[in-house]
Amino acid sequence: QVQLVESGGGLVQAGASLRLSCAASGRTFSNYAMGWFRQAPGKERVFVTAITWSGGATAYADSVKGRFTISRDNAKNTVYLQMNSLEPEDTAVYYCAARRYGFGRSASTYEYWGQGTQVTVSS
């Protein structure tokens, strides 16, 4: 089992920045690829970004490319999501997730999920 706890969400104005953190416990964190997903009210959960176990490769949704950056610190069992130039359309609950094998954008392939953290961007 891997337990994931997100933090860092909040209410900000458009153009501001936030950094989300996801702390992992349980199994060896460095064995897992990590992803961030988000779910806006009334909408499906969608892929935001992912990073391989080593941090050597990343992927981003087109909507956040150039504004968001994923990173990880395996020594601290933590993955981060730096969000810059936030837009009202970024308002959602943000979830981190872990998968033991592979690396990808499909939520169904991730085995473990956090409880989510709310990000609200006002215009």
N, C-alpha and C. Protein backbone atom coordinates (compact mmCIF):
# COMPACT_ATOMS: atom_id res chain seq x y z
N GLN A 1 0.83 -1.20 0.00
CA GLN A 1 0.00 0.00 0.00
C GLN A 1 0.87 1.25 0.00
N VAL A 2 0.38 2.26 -0.67
CA VAL A 2 1.02 3.57 -0.67
C VAL A 2 -0.04 4.57 -0.23
N GLN A 3 0.29 5.36 0.77
CA GLN A 3 -0.62 6.41 1.23
C GLN A 3 -0.10 7.75 0.69
N LEU A 4 -1.02 8.53 0.16
CA LEU A 4 -0.67 9.81 -0.45
C LEU A 4 -1.48 10.93 0.21
N VAL A 5 -0.82 11.99 0.56
CA VAL A 5 -1.49 13.13 1.19
C VAL A 5 -1.07 14.41 0.48
N GLU A 6 -2.05 15.07 -0.14
CA GLU A 6 -1.77 16.32 -0.83
C GLU A 6 -1.91 17.51 0.11
N SER A 7 -1.21 18.57 -0.21
CA SER A 7 -1.32 19.81 0.54
C SER A 7 -0.92 20.97 -0.36
N GLY A 8 -1.25 22.18 0.08
CA GLY A 8 -0.81 23.36 -0.64
C GLY A 8 -1.88 24.07 -1.45
N GLY A 9 -3.08 23.49 -1.49
CA GLY A 9 -4.14 24.15 -2.22
C GLY A 9 -4.60 25.42 -1.53
N GLY A 10 -5.46 26.16 -2.22
CA GLY A 10 -5.97 27.37 -1.63
C GLY A 10 -6.70 28.23 -2.64
N LEU A 11 -7.03 29.44 -2.20
CA LEU A 11 -7.74 30.42 -3.04
C LEU A 11 -6.74 31.51 -3.44
N VAL A 12 -6.59 31.69 -4.74
CA VAL A 12 -5.67 32.71 -5.25
C VAL A 12 -6.34 33.46 -6.38
N GLN A 13 -5.73 34.59 -6.73
CA GLN A 13 -6.22 35.35 -7.86
C GLN A 13 -5.54 34.88 -9.15
N ALA A 14 -6.18 35.16 -10.24
CA ALA A 14 -5.61 34.82 -11.54
C ALA A 14 -4.23 35.46 -11.68
N GLY A 15 -3.30 34.68 -12.22
CA GLY A 15 -1.93 35.13 -12.38
C GLY A 15 -1.00 34.75 -11.26
N ALA A 16 -1.56 34.28 -10.17
CA ALA A 16 -0.75 33.89 -9.01
C ALA A 16 -0.15 32.50 -9.20
N SER A 17 0.64 32.13 -8.22
CA SER A 17 1.29 30.81 -8.23
C SER A 17 0.93 30.04 -6.96
N LEU A 18 0.96 28.74 -7.07
CA LEU A 18 0.81 27.83 -5.93
C LEU A 18 1.73 26.65 -6.15
N ARG A 19 2.18 26.07 -5.05
CA ARG A 19 2.91 24.82 -5.14
C ARG A 19 2.19 23.77 -4.31
N LEU A 20 1.78 22.72 -4.97
CA LEU A 20 1.17 21.59 -4.30
C LEU A 20 2.25 20.57 -3.96
N SER A 21 2.03 19.90 -2.84
CA SER A 21 2.92 18.82 -2.43
C SER A 21 2.09 17.56 -2.23
N CYS A 22 2.72 16.44 -2.45
CA CYS A 22 2.08 15.14 -2.21
C CYS A 22 3.10 14.28 -1.48
N ALA A 23 2.82 14.02 -0.23
CA ALA A 23 3.71 13.21 0.59
C ALA A 23 3.27 11.76 0.57
N ALA A 24 4.21 10.87 0.32
CA ALA A 24 3.91 9.45 0.21
C ALA A 24 4.48 8.69 1.40
N SER A 25 3.79 7.64 1.78
CA SER A 25 4.29 6.74 2.82
C SER A 25 3.86 5.34 2.46
N GLY A 26 4.50 4.38 3.07
CA GLY A 26 4.18 2.99 2.78
C GLY A 26 5.32 2.34 2.01
N ARG A 27 5.04 1.91 0.84
CA ARG A 27 6.05 1.23 0.04
C ARG A 27 7.10 2.21 -0.50
N THR A 28 8.11 1.68 -1.12
CA THR A 28 9.24 2.49 -1.58
C THR A 28 8.77 3.48 -2.64
N PHE A 29 8.81 4.74 -2.27
CA PHE A 29 8.31 5.80 -3.14
C PHE A 29 9.02 5.83 -4.47
N SER A 30 10.30 5.58 -4.46
CA SER A 30 11.09 5.71 -5.69
C SER A 30 10.77 4.63 -6.70
N ASN A 31 9.97 3.64 -6.32
CA ASN A 31 9.57 2.61 -7.27
C ASN A 31 8.36 3.01 -8.10
N TYR A 32 7.78 4.16 -7.80
CA TYR A 32 6.50 4.53 -8.39
C TYR A 32 6.60 5.76 -9.27
N ALA A 33 5.98 5.68 -10.44
CA ALA A 33 5.73 6.88 -11.21
C ALA A 33 4.58 7.63 -10.53
N MET A 34 4.60 8.95 -10.65
CA MET A 34 3.60 9.76 -9.97
C MET A 34 2.88 10.65 -10.98
N GLY A 35 1.63 10.92 -10.69
CA GLY A 35 0.87 11.79 -11.56
C GLY A 35 0.01 12.76 -10.75
N TRP A 36 -0.34 13.84 -11.40
CA TRP A 36 -1.33 14.78 -10.86
C TRP A 36 -2.52 14.82 -11.81
N PHE A 37 -3.70 14.76 -11.23
CA PHE A 37 -4.94 14.86 -11.97
C PHE A 37 -5.78 15.94 -11.31
N ARG A 38 -6.80 16.40 -12.01
CA ARG A 38 -7.69 17.38 -11.42
C ARG A 38 -9.12 17.13 -11.86
N GLN A 39 -10.03 17.55 -11.01
CA GLN A 39 -11.45 17.37 -11.29
C GLN A 39 -12.19 18.64 -10.92
N ALA A 40 -12.76 19.27 -11.92
CA ALA A 40 -13.58 20.46 -11.71
C ALA A 40 -15.02 20.02 -11.42
N PRO A 41 -15.80 20.89 -10.79
CA PRO A 41 -17.18 20.53 -10.46
C PRO A 41 -17.96 20.11 -11.69
N GLY A 42 -18.61 18.97 -11.60
CA GLY A 42 -19.44 18.50 -12.69
C GLY A 42 -18.68 17.93 -13.87
N LYS A 43 -17.37 17.79 -13.73
CA LYS A 43 -16.56 17.28 -14.84
C LYS A 43 -15.79 16.04 -14.41
N GLU A 44 -15.26 15.34 -15.40
CA GLU A 44 -14.48 14.15 -15.12
C GLU A 44 -13.08 14.53 -14.62
N ARG A 45 -12.47 13.58 -13.97
CA ARG A 45 -11.08 13.75 -13.54
C ARG A 45 -10.18 13.65 -14.77
N VAL A 46 -9.27 14.60 -14.91
CA VAL A 46 -8.43 14.64 -16.10
C VAL A 46 -6.96 14.71 -15.72
N PHE A 47 -6.15 14.26 -16.62
CA PHE A 47 -4.70 14.24 -16.45
C PHE A 47 -4.15 15.66 -16.47
N VAL A 48 -3.19 15.91 -15.58
CA VAL A 48 -2.48 17.18 -15.57
C VAL A 48 -1.02 16.97 -15.95
N THR A 49 -0.35 16.09 -15.20
CA THR A 49 1.07 15.88 -15.44
C THR A 49 1.52 14.59 -14.76
N ALA A 50 2.64 14.05 -15.20
CA ALA A 50 3.19 12.84 -14.60
C ALA A 50 4.70 12.87 -14.69
N ILE A 51 5.31 12.05 -13.83
CA ILE A 51 6.77 11.99 -13.78
C ILE A 51 7.18 10.56 -13.50
N THR A 52 8.25 10.11 -14.14
CA THR A 52 8.72 8.76 -13.93
C THR A 52 9.35 8.62 -12.55
N TRP A 53 9.64 7.36 -12.18
CA TRP A 53 10.17 7.10 -10.85
C TRP A 53 11.47 7.85 -10.60
N SER A 54 12.25 8.03 -11.64
CA SER A 54 13.56 8.68 -11.48
C SER A 54 13.49 10.18 -11.66
N GLY A 55 12.37 10.66 -12.19
CA GLY A 55 12.29 12.07 -12.54
C GLY A 55 12.87 12.37 -13.90
N GLY A 56 13.27 11.33 -14.61
CA GLY A 56 13.94 11.53 -15.88
C GLY A 56 13.03 11.90 -17.03
N ALA A 57 11.76 11.68 -16.87
CA ALA A 57 10.81 12.02 -17.93
C ALA A 57 9.53 12.56 -17.30
N THR A 58 8.93 13.50 -18.00
CA THR A 58 7.68 14.08 -17.55
C THR A 58 6.72 14.21 -18.74
N ALA A 59 5.47 14.40 -18.42
CA ALA A 59 4.45 14.64 -19.44
C ALA A 59 3.47 15.66 -18.88
N TYR A 60 2.90 16.46 -19.78
CA TYR A 60 1.97 17.50 -19.37
C TYR A 60 0.77 17.55 -20.30
N ALA A 61 -0.37 17.89 -19.73
CA ALA A 61 -1.53 18.21 -20.54
C ALA A 61 -1.25 19.52 -21.27
N ASP A 62 -1.79 19.64 -22.46
CA ASP A 62 -1.55 20.86 -23.24
C ASP A 62 -2.02 22.11 -22.51
N SER A 63 -3.05 21.97 -21.71
CA SER A 63 -3.64 23.13 -21.04
C SER A 63 -2.73 23.72 -19.97
N VAL A 64 -1.75 22.95 -19.51
CA VAL A 64 -0.88 23.44 -18.44
C VAL A 64 0.58 23.55 -18.87
N LYS A 65 0.88 23.09 -20.05
CA LYS A 65 2.27 23.09 -20.53
C LYS A 65 2.82 24.51 -20.53
N GLY A 66 4.00 24.66 -19.96
CA GLY A 66 4.63 25.97 -19.88
C GLY A 66 4.26 26.76 -18.65
N ARG A 67 3.23 26.32 -17.92
CA ARG A 67 2.81 27.01 -16.70
C ARG A 67 3.04 26.16 -15.46
N PHE A 68 2.87 24.85 -15.59
CA PHE A 68 2.99 23.93 -14.46
C PHE A 68 4.27 23.11 -14.60
N THR A 69 4.86 22.78 -13.47
CA THR A 69 6.06 21.94 -13.46
C THR A 69 5.94 20.88 -12.37
N ILE A 70 6.14 19.64 -12.76
CA ILE A 70 6.15 18.55 -11.78
C ILE A 70 7.59 18.21 -11.44
N SER A 71 7.81 17.87 -10.18
CA SER A 71 9.13 17.43 -9.74
C SER A 71 8.95 16.48 -8.57
N ARG A 72 10.02 15.80 -8.22
CA ARG A 72 9.94 14.87 -7.09
C ARG A 72 11.25 14.86 -6.35
N ASP A 73 11.15 14.55 -5.08
CA ASP A 73 12.31 14.38 -4.22
C ASP A 73 12.17 13.01 -3.57
N ASN A 74 12.85 12.04 -4.09
CA ASN A 74 12.70 10.68 -3.58
C ASN A 74 13.25 10.54 -2.16
N ALA A 75 14.17 11.38 -1.78
CA ALA A 75 14.69 11.33 -0.42
C ALA A 75 13.64 11.79 0.59
N LYS A 76 12.72 12.64 0.13
CA LYS A 76 11.66 13.15 0.99
C LYS A 76 10.31 12.50 0.73
N ASN A 77 10.30 11.53 -0.19
CA ASN A 77 9.05 10.83 -0.53
C ASN A 77 7.95 11.81 -0.92
N THR A 78 8.30 12.79 -1.70
CA THR A 78 7.36 13.85 -2.03
C THR A 78 7.43 14.21 -3.51
N VAL A 79 6.26 14.45 -4.08
CA VAL A 79 6.17 14.97 -5.43
C VAL A 79 5.51 16.34 -5.35
N TYR A 80 5.94 17.23 -6.23
CA TYR A 80 5.48 18.61 -6.19
C TYR A 80 4.83 18.99 -7.52
N LEU A 81 3.94 19.96 -7.43
CA LEU A 81 3.36 20.55 -8.63
C LEU A 81 3.44 22.07 -8.46
N GLN A 82 4.36 22.68 -9.18
CA GLN A 82 4.47 24.12 -9.19
C GLN A 82 3.55 24.67 -10.26
N MET A 83 2.63 25.52 -9.84
CA MET A 83 1.63 26.07 -10.76
C MET A 83 1.81 27.57 -10.84
N ASN A 84 2.16 28.05 -12.01
CA ASN A 84 2.34 29.48 -12.24
C ASN A 84 1.27 30.00 -13.20
N SER A 85 1.11 31.31 -13.20
CA SER A 85 0.14 31.95 -14.11
C SER A 85 -1.21 31.27 -14.06
N LEU A 86 -1.70 31.08 -12.86
CA LEU A 86 -2.96 30.35 -12.69
C LEU A 86 -4.12 31.10 -13.33
N GLU A 87 -5.03 30.33 -13.87
CA GLU A 87 -6.21 30.85 -14.55
C GLU A 87 -7.46 30.32 -13.85
N PRO A 88 -8.59 31.02 -13.96
CA PRO A 88 -9.82 30.50 -13.35
C PRO A 88 -10.16 29.09 -13.82
N GLU A 89 -9.77 28.75 -15.05
CA GLU A 89 -10.04 27.42 -15.58
C GLU A 89 -9.23 26.33 -14.87
N ASP A 90 -8.25 26.73 -14.07
CA ASP A 90 -7.47 25.75 -13.31
C ASP A 90 -8.17 25.37 -12.00
N THR A 91 -9.28 26.00 -11.69
CA THR A 91 -10.02 25.69 -10.47
C THR A 91 -10.50 24.25 -10.50
N ALA A 92 -10.12 23.50 -9.48
CA ALA A 92 -10.45 22.07 -9.42
C ALA A 92 -9.91 21.50 -8.11
N VAL A 93 -10.32 20.27 -7.84
CA VAL A 93 -9.65 19.48 -6.81
C VAL A 93 -8.49 18.76 -7.50
N TYR A 94 -7.32 18.88 -6.93
CA TYR A 94 -6.12 18.27 -7.50
C TYR A 94 -5.76 17.02 -6.70
N TYR A 95 -5.53 15.95 -7.43
CA TYR A 95 -5.20 14.66 -6.82
C TYR A 95 -3.82 14.20 -7.29
N CYS A 96 -3.06 13.65 -6.38
CA CYS A 96 -1.85 12.96 -6.82
C CYS A 96 -2.14 11.46 -6.81
N ALA A 97 -1.39 10.75 -7.63
CA ALA A 97 -1.60 9.33 -7.79
C ALA A 97 -0.28 8.64 -8.07
N ALA A 98 -0.23 7.35 -7.77
CA ALA A 98 0.99 6.57 -7.94
C ALA A 98 0.71 5.30 -8.72
N ARG A 99 1.67 4.93 -9.57
CA ARG A 99 1.56 3.67 -10.29
C ARG A 99 2.90 2.97 -10.26
N ARG A 100 2.84 1.65 -10.05
CA ARG A 100 4.07 0.88 -9.86
C ARG A 100 4.78 0.63 -11.19
N TYR A 101 4.02 0.44 -12.25
CA TYR A 101 4.63 0.09 -13.52
C TYR A 101 4.25 1.10 -14.58
N GLY A 102 5.22 1.41 -15.42
CA GLY A 102 4.92 2.27 -16.55
C GLY A 102 4.81 3.72 -16.18
N PHE A 103 4.25 4.47 -17.07
CA PHE A 103 4.21 5.93 -16.98
C PHE A 103 3.18 6.39 -17.99
N GLY A 104 2.16 7.11 -17.54
CA GLY A 104 1.16 7.48 -18.53
C GLY A 104 0.13 8.46 -18.04
N ARG A 105 -0.86 8.70 -18.88
CA ARG A 105 -1.85 9.73 -18.67
C ARG A 105 -3.22 9.21 -18.24
N SER A 106 -3.40 7.92 -18.27
CA SER A 106 -4.70 7.35 -17.98
C SER A 106 -4.90 7.16 -16.48
N ALA A 107 -5.94 7.76 -15.95
CA ALA A 107 -6.21 7.65 -14.52
C ALA A 107 -6.44 6.21 -14.09
N SER A 108 -7.00 5.42 -14.97
CA SER A 108 -7.33 4.03 -14.61
C SER A 108 -6.10 3.18 -14.37
N THR A 109 -4.94 3.65 -14.81
CA THR A 109 -3.70 2.87 -14.64
C THR A 109 -2.97 3.20 -13.34
N TYR A 110 -3.46 4.15 -12.61
CA TYR A 110 -2.84 4.53 -11.34
C TYR A 110 -3.49 3.75 -10.21
N GLU A 111 -2.66 3.22 -9.33
CA GLU A 111 -3.14 2.30 -8.29
C GLU A 111 -3.55 3.01 -7.01
N TYR A 112 -2.87 4.07 -6.67
CA TYR A 112 -3.09 4.72 -5.38
C TYR A 112 -3.39 6.20 -5.61
N TRP A 113 -4.28 6.72 -4.75
CA TRP A 113 -4.73 8.10 -4.89
C TRP A 113 -4.74 8.79 -3.53
N GLY A 114 -4.47 10.09 -3.58
CA GLY A 114 -4.66 10.91 -2.40
C GLY A 114 -6.10 11.38 -2.31
N GLN A 115 -6.38 12.14 -1.27
CA GLN A 115 -7.74 12.60 -1.02
C GLN A 115 -8.07 13.88 -1.77
N GLY A 116 -7.05 14.54 -2.30
CA GLY A 116 -7.26 15.74 -3.08
C GLY A 116 -7.09 17.02 -2.28
N THR A 117 -6.75 18.08 -2.98
CA THR A 117 -6.65 19.40 -2.38
C THR A 117 -7.29 20.41 -3.33
N GLN A 118 -8.07 21.30 -2.76
CA GLN A 118 -8.84 22.25 -3.58
C GLN A 118 -7.96 23.43 -3.99
N VAL A 119 -8.03 23.74 -5.27
CA VAL A 119 -7.40 24.95 -5.81
C VAL A 119 -8.50 25.79 -6.45
N THR A 120 -8.62 27.01 -5.99
CA THR A 120 -9.62 27.92 -6.54
C THR A 120 -8.92 29.18 -7.02
N VAL A 121 -9.16 29.52 -8.28
CA VAL A 121 -8.53 30.70 -8.88
C VAL A 121 -9.63 31.69 -9.24
N SER A 122 -9.58 32.85 -8.63
CA SER A 122 -10.60 33.87 -8.90
C SER A 122 -10.12 34.81 -10.00
N SER A 123 -11.07 35.34 -10.73
CA SER A 123 -10.73 36.23 -11.86
C SER A 123 -10.66 37.68 -11.41
